[in-house]
Amino acid sequence: GGSLRLSCAASGRSFSSYHLAWFRQ
């Protein structure tokens, strides 16, 4: 019932050129 906020920091100069997604296992 609680909440969490995950963050993903990216390095590189073309971040806007990528589709981004979250997966889980």
PDB file of all heavy atoms in Angstrom:
ATOM      1  N   GLY A   1       0.790  -1.211   0.000  1.00  0.00           N
ATOM      2  CA  GLY A   1       0.000   0.000   0.000  1.00  0.00           C
ATOM      3  C   GLY A   1       0.822   1.262   0.000  1.00  0.00           C
ATOM      4  O   GLY A   1       0.286   2.354  -0.227  1.00  0.00           O
ATOM      5  N   GLY A   2       2.105   1.121   0.226  1.00  0.00           N
ATOM      6  CA  GLY A   2       2.996   2.266   0.261  1.00  0.00           C
ATOM      7  C   GLY A   2       3.469   2.677  -1.116  1.00  0.00           C
ATOM      8  O   GLY A   2       3.031   2.141  -2.133  1.00  0.00           O
ATOM      9  N   SER A   3       4.402   3.627  -1.126  1.00  0.00           N
ATOM     10  CA  SER A   3       4.900   4.180  -2.382  1.00  0.00           C
ATOM     11  C   SER A   3       6.415   4.256  -2.397  1.00  0.00           C
ATOM     12  O   SER A   3       7.062   4.361  -1.354  1.00  0.00           O
ATOM     13  CB  SER A   3       4.336   5.588  -2.608  1.00  0.00           C
ATOM     14  OG  SER A   3       2.922   5.581  -2.682  1.00  0.00           O
ATOM     15  N   LEU A   4       6.958   4.206  -3.585  1.00  0.00           N
ATOM     16  CA  LEU A   4       8.378   4.405  -3.816  1.00  0.00           C
ATOM     17  C   LEU A   4       8.556   5.164  -5.116  1.00  0.00           C
ATOM     18  O   LEU A   4       7.720   5.046  -6.023  1.00  0.00           O
ATOM     19  CB  LEU A   4       9.134   3.080  -3.907  1.00  0.00           C
ATOM     20  CG  LEU A   4       9.468   2.331  -2.621  1.00  0.00           C
ATOM     21  CD1 LEU A   4      10.104   0.989  -2.965  1.00  0.00           C
ATOM     22  CD2 LEU A   4      10.398   3.145  -1.745  1.00  0.00           C
ATOM     23  N   ARG A   5       9.631   5.901  -5.196  1.00  0.00           N
ATOM     24  CA  ARG A   5       9.963   6.607  -6.418  1.00  0.00           C
ATOM     25  C   ARG A   5      11.363   6.206  -6.848  1.00  0.00           C
ATOM     26  O   ARG A   5      12.334   6.457  -6.132  1.00  0.00           O
ATOM     27  CB  ARG A   5       9.886   8.118  -6.218  1.00  0.00           C
ATOM     28  CG  ARG A   5      10.132   8.921  -7.505  1.00  0.00           C
ATOM     29  CD  ARG A   5       9.939  10.411  -7.272  1.00  0.00           C
ATOM     30  NE  ARG A   5      10.191  11.198  -8.457  1.00  0.00           N
ATOM     31  CZ  ARG A   5       9.310  11.427  -9.419  1.00  0.00           C
ATOM     32  NH1 ARG A   5       8.085  10.909  -9.324  1.00  0.00           N
ATOM     33  NH2 ARG A   5       9.626  12.171 -10.461  1.00  0.00           N
ATOM     34  N   LEU A   6      11.448   5.593  -8.007  1.00  0.00           N
ATOM     35  CA  LEU A   6      12.718   5.171  -8.559  1.00  0.00           C
ATOM     36  C   LEU A   6      13.228   6.215  -9.538  1.00  0.00           C
ATOM     37  O   LEU A   6      12.445   6.830 -10.257  1.00  0.00           O
ATOM     38  CB  LEU A   6      12.587   3.826  -9.274  1.00  0.00           C
ATOM     39  CG  LEU A   6      11.977   2.670  -8.487  1.00  0.00           C
ATOM     40  CD1 LEU A   6      11.986   1.404  -9.333  1.00  0.00           C
ATOM     41  CD2 LEU A   6      12.717   2.449  -7.181  1.00  0.00           C
ATOM     42  N   SER A   7      14.530   6.385  -9.544  1.00  0.00           N
ATOM     43  CA  SER A   7      15.150   7.320 -10.467  1.00  0.00           C
ATOM     44  C   SER A   7      16.215   6.607 -11.277  1.00  0.00           C
ATOM     45  O   SER A   7      16.851   5.667 -10.804  1.00  0.00           O
ATOM     46  CB  SER A   7      15.782   8.500  -9.717  1.00  0.00           C
ATOM     47  OG  SER A   7      14.809   9.259  -9.038  1.00  0.00           O
ATOM     48  N   CYS A   8      16.397   7.058 -12.480  1.00  0.00           N
ATOM     49  CA  CYS A   8      17.418   6.514 -13.361  1.00  0.00           C
ATOM     50  C   CYS A   8      18.190   7.675 -13.954  1.00  0.00           C
ATOM     51  O   CYS A   8      17.626   8.485 -14.694  1.00  0.00           O
ATOM     52  CB  CYS A   8      16.785   5.665 -14.462  1.00  0.00           C
ATOM     53  SG  CYS A   8      17.958   5.017 -15.677  1.00  0.00           S
ATOM     54  N   ALA A   9      19.448   7.749 -13.603  1.00  0.00           N
ATOM     55  CA  ALA A   9      20.315   8.798 -14.111  1.00  0.00           C
ATOM     56  C   ALA A   9      21.112   8.275 -15.292  1.00  0.00           C
ATOM     57  O   ALA A   9      21.686   7.196 -15.228  1.00  0.00           O
ATOM     58  CB  ALA A   9      21.256   9.292 -13.019  1.00  0.00           C
ATOM     59  N   ALA A  10      21.144   9.039 -16.345  1.00  0.00           N
ATOM     60  CA  ALA A  10      21.817   8.624 -17.561  1.00  0.00           C
ATOM     61  C   ALA A  10      22.980   9.540 -17.884  1.00  0.00           C
ATOM     62  O   ALA A  10      22.913  10.755 -17.677  1.00  0.00           O
ATOM     63  CB  ALA A  10      20.848   8.613 -18.736  1.00  0.00           C
ATOM     64  N   SER A  11      24.023   8.936 -18.367  1.00  0.00           N
ATOM     65  CA  SER A  11      25.161   9.697 -18.867  1.00  0.00           C
ATOM     66  C   SER A  11      25.128   9.650 -20.384  1.00  0.00           C
ATOM     67  O   SER A  11      24.555   8.747 -20.986  1.00  0.00           O
ATOM     68  CB  SER A  11      26.475   9.124 -18.336  1.00  0.00           C
ATOM     69  OG  SER A  11      26.683   7.796 -18.798  1.00  0.00           O
ATOM     70  N   GLY A  12      25.737  10.619 -20.989  1.00  0.00           N
ATOM     71  CA  GLY A  12      25.716  10.682 -22.433  1.00  0.00           C
ATOM     72  C   GLY A  12      25.110  11.988 -22.911  1.00  0.00           C
ATOM     73  O   GLY A  12      24.458  12.706 -22.145  1.00  0.00           O
ATOM     74  N   ARG A  13      25.300  12.246 -24.154  1.00  0.00           N
ATOM     75  CA  ARG A  13      24.873  13.517 -24.724  1.00  0.00           C
ATOM     76  C   ARG A  13      23.643  13.410 -25.621  1.00  0.00           C
ATOM     77  O   ARG A  13      23.175  14.427 -26.134  1.00  0.00           O
ATOM     78  CB  ARG A  13      26.038  14.126 -25.523  1.00  0.00           C
ATOM     79  CG  ARG A  13      27.292  14.341 -24.693  1.00  0.00           C
ATOM     80  CD  ARG A  13      28.460  14.701 -25.585  1.00  0.00           C
ATOM     81  NE  ARG A  13      28.274  15.982 -26.239  1.00  0.00           N
ATOM     82  CZ  ARG A  13      28.629  17.144 -25.736  1.00  0.00           C
ATOM     83  NH1 ARG A  13      29.210  17.187 -24.539  1.00  0.00           N
ATOM     84  NH2 ARG A  13      28.422  18.261 -26.405  1.00  0.00           N
ATOM     85  N   SER A  14      23.108  12.188 -25.795  1.00  0.00           N
ATOM     86  CA  SER A  14      21.970  11.980 -26.683  1.00  0.00           C
ATOM     87  C   SER A  14      20.788  11.348 -25.968  1.00  0.00           C
ATOM     88  O   SER A  14      20.085  10.512 -26.533  1.00  0.00           O
ATOM     89  CB  SER A  14      22.392  11.104 -27.875  1.00  0.00           C
ATOM     90  OG  SER A  14      23.451  11.691 -28.598  1.00  0.00           O
ATOM     91  N   PHE A  15      20.555  11.746 -24.735  1.00  0.00           N
ATOM     92  CA  PHE A  15      19.488  11.177 -23.939  1.00  0.00           C
ATOM     93  C   PHE A  15      18.133  11.304 -24.616  1.00  0.00           C
ATOM     94  O   PHE A  15      17.312  10.390 -24.568  1.00  0.00           O
ATOM     95  CB  PHE A  15      19.457  11.838 -22.561  1.00  0.00           C
ATOM     96  CG  PHE A  15      18.462  11.248 -21.617  1.00  0.00           C
ATOM     97  CD1 PHE A  15      18.713  10.038 -20.986  1.00  0.00           C
ATOM     98  CD2 PHE A  15      17.274  11.902 -21.344  1.00  0.00           C
ATOM     99  CE1 PHE A  15      17.798   9.493 -20.099  1.00  0.00           C
ATOM    100  CE2 PHE A  15      16.359  11.367 -20.456  1.00  0.00           C
ATOM    101  CZ  PHE A  15      16.624  10.154 -19.832  1.00  0.00           C
ATOM    102  N   SER A  16      17.874  12.428 -25.247  1.00  0.00           N
ATOM    103  CA  SER A  16      16.588  12.668 -25.881  1.00  0.00           C
ATOM    104  C   SER A  16      16.354  11.793 -27.103  1.00  0.00           C
ATOM    105  O   SER A  16      15.236  11.737 -27.613  1.00  0.00           O
ATOM    106  CB  SER A  16      16.452  14.142 -26.272  1.00  0.00           C
ATOM    107  OG  SER A  16      17.443  14.518 -27.214  1.00  0.00           O
ATOM    108  N   SER A  17      17.379  11.108 -27.575  1.00  0.00           N
ATOM    109  CA  SER A  17      17.257  10.243 -28.742  1.00  0.00           C
ATOM    110  C   SER A  17      16.821   8.828 -28.384  1.00  0.00           C
ATOM    111  O   SER A  17      16.737   7.978 -29.263  1.00  0.00           O
ATOM    112  CB  SER A  17      18.587  10.187 -29.501  1.00  0.00           C
ATOM    113  OG  SER A  17      18.962  11.472 -29.972  1.00  0.00           O
ATOM    114  N   TYR A  18      16.545   8.574 -27.113  1.00  0.00           N
ATOM    115  CA  TYR A  18      16.202   7.243 -26.644  1.00  0.00           C
ATOM    116  C   TYR A  18      14.766   7.149 -26.148  1.00  0.00           C
ATOM    117  O   TYR A  18      14.259   8.066 -25.499  1.00  0.00           O
ATOM    118  CB  TYR A  18      17.126   6.819 -25.496  1.00  0.00           C
ATOM    119  CG  TYR A  18      18.550   6.557 -25.891  1.00  0.00           C
ATOM    120  CD1 TYR A  18      19.461   7.598 -26.000  1.00  0.00           C
ATOM    121  CD2 TYR A  18      18.992   5.256 -26.142  1.00  0.00           C
ATOM    122  CE1 TYR A  18      20.775   7.357 -26.358  1.00  0.00           C
ATOM    123  CE2 TYR A  18      20.305   5.015 -26.496  1.00  0.00           C
ATOM    124  CZ  TYR A  18      21.193   6.060 -26.603  1.00  0.00           C
ATOM    125  OH  TYR A  18      22.500   5.823 -26.954  1.00  0.00           O
ATOM    126  N   HIS A  19      14.144   6.016 -26.452  1.00  0.00           N
ATOM    127  CA  HIS A  19      12.938   5.622 -25.754  1.00  0.00           C
ATOM    128  C   HIS A  19      13.404   5.035 -24.426  1.00  0.00           C
ATOM    129  O   HIS A  19      14.412   4.328 -24.368  1.00  0.00           O
ATOM    130  CB  HIS A  19      12.155   4.576 -26.536  1.00  0.00           C
ATOM    131  CG  HIS A  19      11.782   5.018 -27.914  1.00  0.00           C
ATOM    132  ND1 HIS A  19      11.006   6.128 -28.151  1.00  0.00           N
ATOM    133  CD2 HIS A  19      12.081   4.489 -29.125  1.00  0.00           C
ATOM    134  CE1 HIS A  19      10.838   6.269 -29.456  1.00  0.00           C
ATOM    135  NE2 HIS A  19      11.480   5.282 -30.068  1.00  0.00           N
ATOM    136  N   LEU A  20      12.684   5.295 -23.366  1.00  0.00           N
ATOM    137  CA  LEU A  20      13.077   4.835 -22.044  1.00  0.00           C
ATOM    138  C   LEU A  20      11.999   3.948 -21.444  1.00  0.00           C
ATOM    139  O   LEU A  20      10.809   4.169 -21.666  1.00  0.00           O
ATOM    140  CB  LEU A  20      13.349   6.026 -21.126  1.00  0.00           C
ATOM    141  CG  LEU A  20      14.452   6.973 -21.590  1.00  0.00           C
ATOM    142  CD1 LEU A  20      14.476   8.220 -20.717  1.00  0.00           C
ATOM    143  CD2 LEU A  20      15.805   6.271 -21.554  1.00  0.00           C
ATOM    144  N   ALA A  21      12.431   2.966 -20.683  1.00  0.00           N
ATOM    145  CA  ALA A  21      11.487   2.020 -20.117  1.00  0.00           C
ATOM    146  C   ALA A  21      11.969   1.485 -18.780  1.00  0.00           C
ATOM    147  O   ALA A  21      13.152   1.579 -18.443  1.00  0.00           O
ATOM    148  CB  ALA A  21      11.259   0.856 -21.082  1.00  0.00           C
ATOM    149  N   TRP A  22      11.030   0.933 -18.045  1.00  0.00           N
ATOM    150  CA  TRP A  22      11.327   0.221 -16.813  1.00  0.00           C
ATOM    151  C   TRP A  22      10.884  -1.226 -16.962  1.00  0.00           C
ATOM    152  O   TRP A  22       9.779  -1.502 -17.444  1.00  0.00           O
ATOM    153  CB  TRP A  22      10.615   0.847 -15.611  1.00  0.00           C
ATOM    154  CG  TRP A  22      11.185   2.159 -15.177  1.00  0.00           C
ATOM    155  CD1 TRP A  22      10.785   3.395 -15.562  1.00  0.00           C
ATOM    156  CD2 TRP A  22      12.263   2.353 -14.256  1.00  0.00           C
ATOM    157  NE1 TRP A  22      11.546   4.356 -14.941  1.00  0.00           N
ATOM    158  CE2 TRP A  22      12.463   3.745 -14.139  1.00  0.00           C
ATOM    159  CE3 TRP A  22      13.078   1.489 -13.519  1.00  0.00           C
ATOM    160  CZ2 TRP A  22      13.448   4.288 -13.310  1.00  0.00           C
ATOM    161  CZ3 TRP A  22      14.058   2.035 -12.700  1.00  0.00           C
ATOM    162  CH2 TRP A  22      14.232   3.420 -12.612  1.00  0.00           C
ATOM    163  N   PHE A  23      11.744  -2.126 -16.551  1.00  0.00           N
ATOM    164  CA  PHE A  23      11.457  -3.544 -16.490  1.00  0.00           C
ATOM    165  C   PHE A  23      11.656  -3.999 -15.055  1.00  0.00           C
ATOM    166  O   PHE A  23      12.265  -3.295 -14.245  1.00  0.00           O
ATOM    167  CB  PHE A  23      12.389  -4.338 -17.414  1.00  0.00           C
ATOM    168  CG  PHE A  23      12.161  -4.101 -18.882  1.00  0.00           C
ATOM    169  CD1 PHE A  23      12.626  -2.957 -19.503  1.00  0.00           C
ATOM    170  CD2 PHE A  23      11.488  -5.047 -19.650  1.00  0.00           C
ATOM    171  CE1 PHE A  23      12.427  -2.740 -20.854  1.00  0.00           C
ATOM    172  CE2 PHE A  23      11.287  -4.846 -21.008  1.00  0.00           C
ATOM    173  CZ  PHE A  23      11.755  -3.686 -21.610  1.00  0.00           C
ATOM    174  N   ARG A  24      11.153  -5.169 -14.750  1.00  0.00           N
ATOM    175  CA  ARG A  24      11.378  -5.730 -13.425  1.00  0.00           C
ATOM    176  C   ARG A  24      11.487  -7.240 -13.515  1.00  0.00           C
ATOM    177  O   ARG A  24      10.985  -7.869 -14.440  1.00  0.00           O
ATOM    178  CB  ARG A  24      10.257  -5.343 -12.459  1.00  0.00           C
ATOM    179  CG  ARG A  24       8.904  -5.965 -12.776  1.00  0.00           C
ATOM    180  CD  ARG A  24       7.833  -5.422 -11.853  1.00  0.00           C
ATOM    181  NE  ARG A  24       6.536  -6.022 -12.098  1.00  0.00           N
ATOM    182  CZ  ARG A  24       5.412  -5.626 -11.518  1.00  0.00           C
ATOM    183  NH1 ARG A  24       5.440  -4.626 -10.636  1.00  0.00           N
ATOM    184  NH2 ARG A  24       4.270  -6.241 -11.808  1.00  0.00           N
ATOM    185  N   GLN A  25      12.155  -7.799 -12.535  1.00  0.00           N
ATOM    186  CA  GLN A  25      12.322  -9.237 -12.474  1.00  0.00           C
ATOM    187  C   GLN A  25      12.074  -9.701 -11.046  1.00  0.00           C
ATOM    188  O   GLN A  25      12.844  -9.382 -10.140  1.00  0.00           O
ATOM    189  CB  GLN A  25      13.721  -9.645 -12.937  1.00  0.00           C
ATOM    190  CG  GLN A  25      13.921 -11.143 -13.044  1.00  0.00           C
ATOM    191  CD  GLN A  25      15.211 -11.502 -13.746  1.00  0.00           C
ATOM    192  OE1 GLN A  25      16.123 -10.691 -13.854  1.00  0.00           O
ATOM    193  NE2 GLN A  25      15.292 -12.720 -14.236  1.00  0.00           N
TER     194      GLN A  25
END
